Amino acid sequence: MDLKNRRIAVRIDDPELRYQLSELLMKNGAVVHGARDEVELQQLLDKLGVEIVVAAVKPMRIGLN
């Protein structure tokens, strides 16, 4: 898939992973928009016409009792 000038929204909780993925996408010509939460992600979809969405949620943490 050609990423040149494609609008991509990224919603990933891990800051390091979000940064690395955004950098990789931008190096391949994509226009990357970061979303802080689901509301902002929906706004990017509605207002900017984002074509691709990359989202990840925090994994469930299992506590040791």
PDB file of N, CA and C in Angstrom:
ATOM      1  N   MET A   1       0.839  -1.173   0.000  1.00  0.00           N
ATOM      2  CA  MET A   1       0.000   0.000   0.000  1.00  0.00           C
ATOM      3  C   MET A   1       0.889   1.243   0.000  1.00  0.00           C
ATOM      4  N   ASP A   2       0.589   2.157  -0.863  1.00  0.00           N
ATOM      5  CA  ASP A   2       1.325   3.410  -0.937  1.00  0.00           C
ATOM      6  C   ASP A   2       0.818   4.348   0.158  1.00  0.00           C
ATOM      7  N   LEU A   3       1.733   4.867   0.960  1.00  0.00           N
ATOM      8  CA  LEU A   3       1.345   5.749   2.070  1.00  0.00           C
ATOM      9  C   LEU A   3       1.524   7.231   1.754  1.00  0.00           C
ATOM     10  N   LYS A   4       2.008   7.552   0.574  1.00  0.00           N
ATOM     11  CA  LYS A   4       2.256   8.940   0.210  1.00  0.00           C
ATOM     12  C   LYS A   4       0.997   9.780   0.373  1.00  0.00           C
ATOM     13  N   ASN A   5       1.055  10.765   1.265  1.00  0.00           N
ATOM     14  CA  ASN A   5      -0.021  11.715   1.551  1.00  0.00           C
ATOM     15  C   ASN A   5      -1.301  11.079   2.094  1.00  0.00           C
ATOM     16  N   ARG A   6      -1.223   9.849   2.576  1.00  0.00           N
ATOM     17  CA  ARG A   6      -2.374   9.220   3.224  1.00  0.00           C
ATOM     18  C   ARG A   6      -2.515   9.788   4.625  1.00  0.00           C
ATOM     19  N   ARG A   7      -3.735  10.061   5.047  1.00  0.00           N
ATOM     20  CA  ARG A   7      -3.993  10.558   6.401  1.00  0.00           C
ATOM     21  C   ARG A   7      -4.221   9.365   7.320  1.00  0.00           C
ATOM     22  N   ILE A   8      -3.410   9.292   8.366  1.00  0.00           N
ATOM     23  CA  ILE A   8      -3.480   8.174   9.300  1.00  0.00           C
ATOM     24  C   ILE A   8      -3.645   8.714  10.711  1.00  0.00           C
ATOM     25  N   ALA A   9      -4.610   8.189  11.432  1.00  0.00           N
ATOM     26  CA  ALA A   9      -4.811   8.551  12.835  1.00  0.00           C
ATOM     27  C   ALA A   9      -4.202   7.446  13.699  1.00  0.00           C
ATOM     28  N   VAL A  10      -3.431   7.858  14.692  1.00  0.00           N
ATOM     29  CA  VAL A  10      -2.774   6.906  15.575  1.00  0.00           C
ATOM     30  C   VAL A  10      -3.246   7.140  17.002  1.00  0.00           C
ATOM     31  N   ARG A  11      -3.747   6.079  17.631  1.00  0.00           N
ATOM     32  CA  ARG A  11      -4.197   6.127  19.033  1.00  0.00           C
ATOM     33  C   ARG A  11      -3.579   4.936  19.744  1.00  0.00           C
ATOM     34  N   ILE A  12      -2.416   5.155  20.350  1.00  0.00           N
ATOM     35  CA  ILE A  12      -1.690   4.107  21.066  1.00  0.00           C
ATOM     36  C   ILE A  12      -1.260   4.681  22.410  1.00  0.00           C
ATOM     37  N   ASP A  13      -1.556   3.948  23.485  1.00  0.00           N
ATOM     38  CA  ASP A  13      -1.260   4.429  24.833  1.00  0.00           C
ATOM     39  C   ASP A  13       0.235   4.458  25.157  1.00  0.00           C
ATOM     40  N   ASP A  14       1.002   3.562  24.586  1.00  0.00           N
ATOM     41  CA  ASP A  14       2.442   3.495  24.859  1.00  0.00           C
ATOM     42  C   ASP A  14       3.160   4.599  24.082  1.00  0.00           C
ATOM     43  N   PRO A  15       3.724   5.593  24.789  1.00  0.00           N
ATOM     44  CA  PRO A  15       4.339   6.739  24.096  1.00  0.00           C
ATOM     45  C   PRO A  15       5.497   6.346  23.169  1.00  0.00           C
ATOM     46  N   GLU A  16       6.321   5.421  23.582  1.00  0.00           N
ATOM     47  CA  GLU A  16       7.472   5.022  22.760  1.00  0.00           C
ATOM     48  C   GLU A  16       7.011   4.313  21.492  1.00  0.00           C
ATOM     49  N   LEU A  17       6.070   3.417  21.623  1.00  0.00           N
ATOM     50  CA  LEU A  17       5.542   2.718  20.451  1.00  0.00           C
ATOM     51  C   LEU A  17       4.838   3.690  19.517  1.00  0.00           C
ATOM     52  N   ARG A  18       4.058   4.618  20.065  1.00  0.00           N
ATOM     53  CA  ARG A  18       3.362   5.627  19.258  1.00  0.00           C
ATOM     54  C   ARG A  18       4.357   6.461  18.467  1.00  0.00           C
ATOM     55  N   TYR A  19       5.439   6.884  19.124  1.00  0.00           N
ATOM     56  CA  TYR A  19       6.465   7.685  18.463  1.00  0.00           C
ATOM     57  C   TYR A  19       7.133   6.902  17.334  1.00  0.00           C
ATOM     58  N   GLN A  20       7.541   5.675  17.616  1.00  0.00           N
ATOM     59  CA  GLN A  20       8.245   4.874  16.617  1.00  0.00           C
ATOM     60  C   GLN A  20       7.359   4.592  15.404  1.00  0.00           C
ATOM     61  N   LEU A  21       6.112   4.245  15.661  1.00  0.00           N
ATOM     62  CA  LEU A  21       5.201   3.964  14.557  1.00  0.00           C
ATOM     63  C   LEU A  21       4.919   5.222  13.736  1.00  0.00           C
ATOM     64  N   SER A  22       4.708   6.334  14.416  1.00  0.00           N
ATOM     65  CA  SER A  22       4.464   7.603  13.705  1.00  0.00           C
ATOM     66  C   SER A  22       5.649   7.984  12.834  1.00  0.00           C
ATOM     67  N   GLU A  23       6.851   7.841  13.363  1.00  0.00           N
ATOM     68  CA  GLU A  23       8.056   8.159  12.593  1.00  0.00           C
ATOM     69  C   GLU A  23       8.169   7.277  11.354  1.00  0.00           C
ATOM     70  N   LEU A  24       7.915   5.996  11.514  1.00  0.00           N
ATOM     71  CA  LEU A  24       7.981   5.071  10.383  1.00  0.00           C
ATOM     72  C   LEU A  24       6.968   5.442   9.312  1.00  0.00           C
ATOM     73  N   LEU A  25       5.746   5.744   9.726  1.00  0.00           N
ATOM     74  CA  LEU A  25       4.711   6.119   8.762  1.00  0.00           C
ATOM     75  C   LEU A  25       5.057   7.419   8.047  1.00  0.00           C
ATOM     76  N   MET A  26       5.565   8.412   8.787  1.00  0.00           N
ATOM     77  CA  MET A  26       5.916   9.701   8.168  1.00  0.00           C
ATOM     78  C   MET A  26       7.091   9.561   7.202  1.00  0.00           C
ATOM     79  N   LYS A  27       8.040   8.695   7.520  1.00  0.00           N
ATOM     80  CA  LYS A  27       9.171   8.464   6.608  1.00  0.00           C
ATOM     81  C   LYS A  27       8.706   7.870   5.287  1.00  0.00           C
ATOM     82  N   ASN A  28       7.561   7.200   5.306  1.00  0.00           N
ATOM     83  CA  ASN A  28       6.997   6.617   4.096  1.00  0.00           C
ATOM     84  C   ASN A  28       5.970   7.528   3.439  1.00  0.00           C
ATOM     85  N   GLY A  29       5.916   8.789   3.870  1.00  0.00           N
ATOM     86  CA  GLY A  29       5.101   9.783   3.187  1.00  0.00           C
ATOM     87  C   GLY A  29       3.720  10.028   3.759  1.00  0.00           C
ATOM     88  N   ALA A  30       3.364   9.349   4.836  1.00  0.00           N
ATOM     89  CA  ALA A  30       2.028   9.514   5.407  1.00  0.00           C
ATOM     90  C   ALA A  30       1.943  10.796   6.234  1.00  0.00           C
ATOM     91  N   VAL A  31       0.735  11.311   6.354  1.00  0.00           N
ATOM     92  CA  VAL A  31       0.441  12.431   7.234  1.00  0.00           C
ATOM     93  C   VAL A  31      -0.193  11.822   8.475  1.00  0.00           C
ATOM     94  N   VAL A  32       0.502  11.909   9.614  1.00  0.00           N
ATOM     95  CA  VAL A  32       0.067  11.221  10.826  1.00  0.00           C
ATOM     96  C   VAL A  32      -0.544  12.208  11.810  1.00  0.00           C
ATOM     97  N   HIS A  33      -1.729  11.858  12.318  1.00  0.00           N
ATOM     98  CA  HIS A  33      -2.423  12.644  13.333  1.00  0.00           C
ATOM     99  C   HIS A  33      -2.518  11.793  14.590  1.00  0.00           C
ATOM    100  N   GLY A  34      -2.136  12.350  15.718  1.00  0.00           N
ATOM    101  CA  GLY A  34      -2.224  11.626  16.979  1.00  0.00           C
ATOM    102  C   GLY A  34      -3.500  11.969  17.715  1.00  0.00           C
ATOM    103  N   ALA A  35      -4.108  10.955  18.303  1.00  0.00           N
ATOM    104  CA  ALA A  35      -5.329  11.153  19.088  1.00  0.00           C
ATOM    105  C   ALA A  35      -5.055  10.756  20.531  1.00  0.00           C
ATOM    106  N   ARG A  36      -5.495  11.607  21.472  1.00  0.00           N
ATOM    107  CA  ARG A  36      -5.272  11.327  22.894  1.00  0.00           C
ATOM    108  C   ARG A  36      -6.287  10.350  23.464  1.00  0.00           C
ATOM    109  N   ASP A  37      -7.499  10.355  22.896  1.00  0.00           N
ATOM    110  CA  ASP A  37      -8.549   9.481  23.420  1.00  0.00           C
ATOM    111  C   ASP A  37      -9.522   9.143  22.291  1.00  0.00           C
ATOM    112  N   GLU A  38     -10.527   8.364  22.626  1.00  0.00           N
ATOM    113  CA  GLU A  38     -11.483   7.916  21.622  1.00  0.00           C
ATOM    114  C   GLU A  38     -12.290   9.062  21.030  1.00  0.00           C
ATOM    115  N   VAL A  39     -12.589  10.065  21.842  1.00  0.00           N
ATOM    116  CA  VAL A  39     -13.349  11.229  21.355  1.00  0.00           C
ATOM    117  C   VAL A  39     -12.546  11.971  20.293  1.00  0.00           C
ATOM    118  N   GLU A  40     -11.280  12.220  20.580  1.00  0.00           N
ATOM    119  CA  GLU A  40     -10.437  12.918  19.607  1.00  0.00           C
ATOM    120  C   GLU A  40     -10.223  12.065  18.354  1.00  0.00           C
ATOM    121  N   LEU A  41     -10.137  10.773  18.520  1.00  0.00           N
ATOM    122  CA  LEU A  41     -10.006   9.880  17.368  1.00  0.00           C
ATOM    123  C   LEU A  41     -11.237   9.987  16.471  1.00  0.00           C
ATOM    124  N   GLN A  42     -12.414  10.014  17.073  1.00  0.00           N
ATOM    125  CA  GLN A  42     -13.649  10.144  16.295  1.00  0.00           C
ATOM    126  C   GLN A  42     -13.698  11.490  15.569  1.00  0.00           C
ATOM    127  N   GLN A  43     -13.218  12.556  16.222  1.00  0.00           N
ATOM    128  CA  GLN A  43     -13.191  13.876  15.586  1.00  0.00           C
ATOM    129  C   GLN A  43     -12.264  13.871  14.374  1.00  0.00           C
ATOM    130  N   LEU A  44     -11.127  13.193  14.482  1.00  0.00           N
ATOM    131  CA  LEU A  44     -10.221  13.094  13.335  1.00  0.00           C
ATOM    132  C   LEU A  44     -10.901  12.379  12.176  1.00  0.00           C
ATOM    133  N   LEU A  45     -11.637  11.346  12.488  1.00  0.00           N
ATOM    134  CA  LEU A  45     -12.353  10.615  11.442  1.00  0.00           C
ATOM    135  C   LEU A  45     -13.406  11.481  10.781  1.00  0.00           C
ATOM    136  N   ASP A  46     -14.165  12.209  11.589  1.00  0.00           N
ATOM    137  CA  ASP A  46     -15.271  13.016  11.078  1.00  0.00           C
ATOM    138  C   ASP A  46     -14.815  14.261  10.332  1.00  0.00           C
ATOM    139  N   LYS A  47     -13.847  14.977  10.892  1.00  0.00           N
ATOM    140  CA  LYS A  47     -13.490  16.295  10.354  1.00  0.00           C
ATOM    141  C   LYS A  47     -12.363  16.274   9.329  1.00  0.00           C
ATOM    142  N   LEU A  48     -11.397  15.384   9.502  1.00  0.00           N
ATOM    143  CA  LEU A  48     -10.236  15.407   8.616  1.00  0.00           C
ATOM    144  C   LEU A  48     -10.291  14.366   7.508  1.00  0.00           C
ATOM    145  N   GLY A  49     -11.245  13.484   7.582  1.00  0.00           N
ATOM    146  CA  GLY A  49     -11.322  12.451   6.554  1.00  0.00           C
ATOM    147  C   GLY A  49     -10.149  11.492   6.607  1.00  0.00           C
ATOM    148  N   VAL A  50      -9.784  11.085   7.801  1.00  0.00           N
ATOM    149  CA  VAL A  50      -8.683  10.146   7.978  1.00  0.00           C
ATOM    150  C   VAL A  50      -9.019   8.858   7.239  1.00  0.00           C
ATOM    151  N   GLU A  51      -8.020   8.317   6.532  1.00  0.00           N
ATOM    152  CA  GLU A  51      -8.244   7.127   5.725  1.00  0.00           C
ATOM    153  C   GLU A  51      -7.909   5.830   6.460  1.00  0.00           C
ATOM    154  N   ILE A  52      -6.951   5.891   7.362  1.00  0.00           N
ATOM    155  CA  ILE A  52      -6.477   4.697   8.072  1.00  0.00           C
ATOM    156  C   ILE A  52      -6.403   5.021   9.552  1.00  0.00           C
ATOM    157  N   VAL A  53      -6.826   4.096  10.392  1.00  0.00           N
ATOM    158  CA  VAL A  53      -6.760   4.273  11.840  1.00  0.00           C
ATOM    159  C   VAL A  53      -5.922   3.152  12.433  1.00  0.00           C
ATOM    160  N   VAL A  54      -4.954   3.532  13.274  1.00  0.00           N
ATOM    161  CA  VAL A  54      -4.169   2.560  14.024  1.00  0.00           C
ATOM    162  C   VAL A  54      -4.465   2.828  15.484  1.00  0.00           C
ATOM    163  N   ALA A  55      -5.037   1.843  16.176  1.00  0.00           N
ATOM    164  CA  ALA A  55      -5.406   2.031  17.571  1.00  0.00           C
ATOM    165  C   ALA A  55      -5.024   0.801  18.380  1.00  0.00           C
ATOM    166  N   ALA A  56      -4.611   1.043  19.594  1.00  0.00           N
ATOM    167  CA  ALA A  56      -4.296  -0.043  20.523  1.00  0.00           C
ATOM    168  C   ALA A  56      -4.702   0.405  21.915  1.00  0.00           C
ATOM    169  N   VAL A  57      -5.190  -0.511  22.686  1.00  0.00           N
ATOM    170  CA  VAL A  57      -5.577  -0.203  24.050  1.00  0.00           C
ATOM    171  C   VAL A  57      -4.572  -0.840  24.997  1.00  0.00           C
ATOM    172  N   LYS A  58      -4.587  -0.373  26.223  1.00  0.00           N
ATOM    173  CA  LYS A  58      -3.687  -0.928  27.228  1.00  0.00           C
ATOM    174  C   LYS A  58      -4.073  -2.382  27.492  1.00  0.00           C
ATOM    175  N   PRO A  59      -3.082  -3.243  27.582  1.00  0.00           N
ATOM    176  CA  PRO A  59      -3.400  -4.628  27.933  1.00  0.00           C
ATOM    177  C   PRO A  59      -3.884  -4.701  29.381  1.00  0.00           C
ATOM    178  N   MET A  60      -4.735  -5.672  29.663  1.00  0.00           N
ATOM    179  CA  MET A  60      -5.191  -5.837  31.042  1.00  0.00           C
ATOM    180  C   MET A  60      -4.023  -6.230  31.921  1.00  0.00           C
ATOM    181  N   ARG A  61      -3.937  -5.575  33.039  1.00  0.00           N
ATOM    182  CA  ARG A  61      -2.869  -5.909  33.999  1.00  0.00           C
ATOM    183  C   ARG A  61      -3.405  -6.930  34.985  1.00  0.00           C
ATOM    184  N   ILE A  62      -2.646  -7.968  35.171  1.00  0.00           N
ATOM    185  CA  ILE A  62      -3.038  -9.004  36.114  1.00  0.00           C
ATOM    186  C   ILE A  62      -2.160  -8.849  37.347  1.00  0.00           C
ATOM    187  N   GLY A  63      -2.799  -8.545  38.456  1.00  0.00           N
ATOM    188  CA  GLY A  63      -2.066  -8.346  39.706  1.00  0.00           C
ATOM    189  C   GLY A  63      -1.800  -9.673  40.402  1.00  0.00           C
ATOM    190  N   LEU A  64      -0.692  -9.730  41.083  1.00  0.00           N
ATOM    191  CA  LEU A  64      -0.371 -10.914  41.859  1.00  0.00           C
ATOM    192  C   LEU A  64      -0.854 -10.696  43.272  1.00  0.00           C
ATOM    193  N   ASN A  65      -1.682 -11.578  43.754  1.00  0.00           N
ATOM    194  CA  ASN A  65      -2.223 -11.452  45.118  1.00  0.00           C
ATOM    195  C   ASN A  65      -1.490 -12.345  46.077  1.00  0.00           C
TER     196      ASN A  65
END
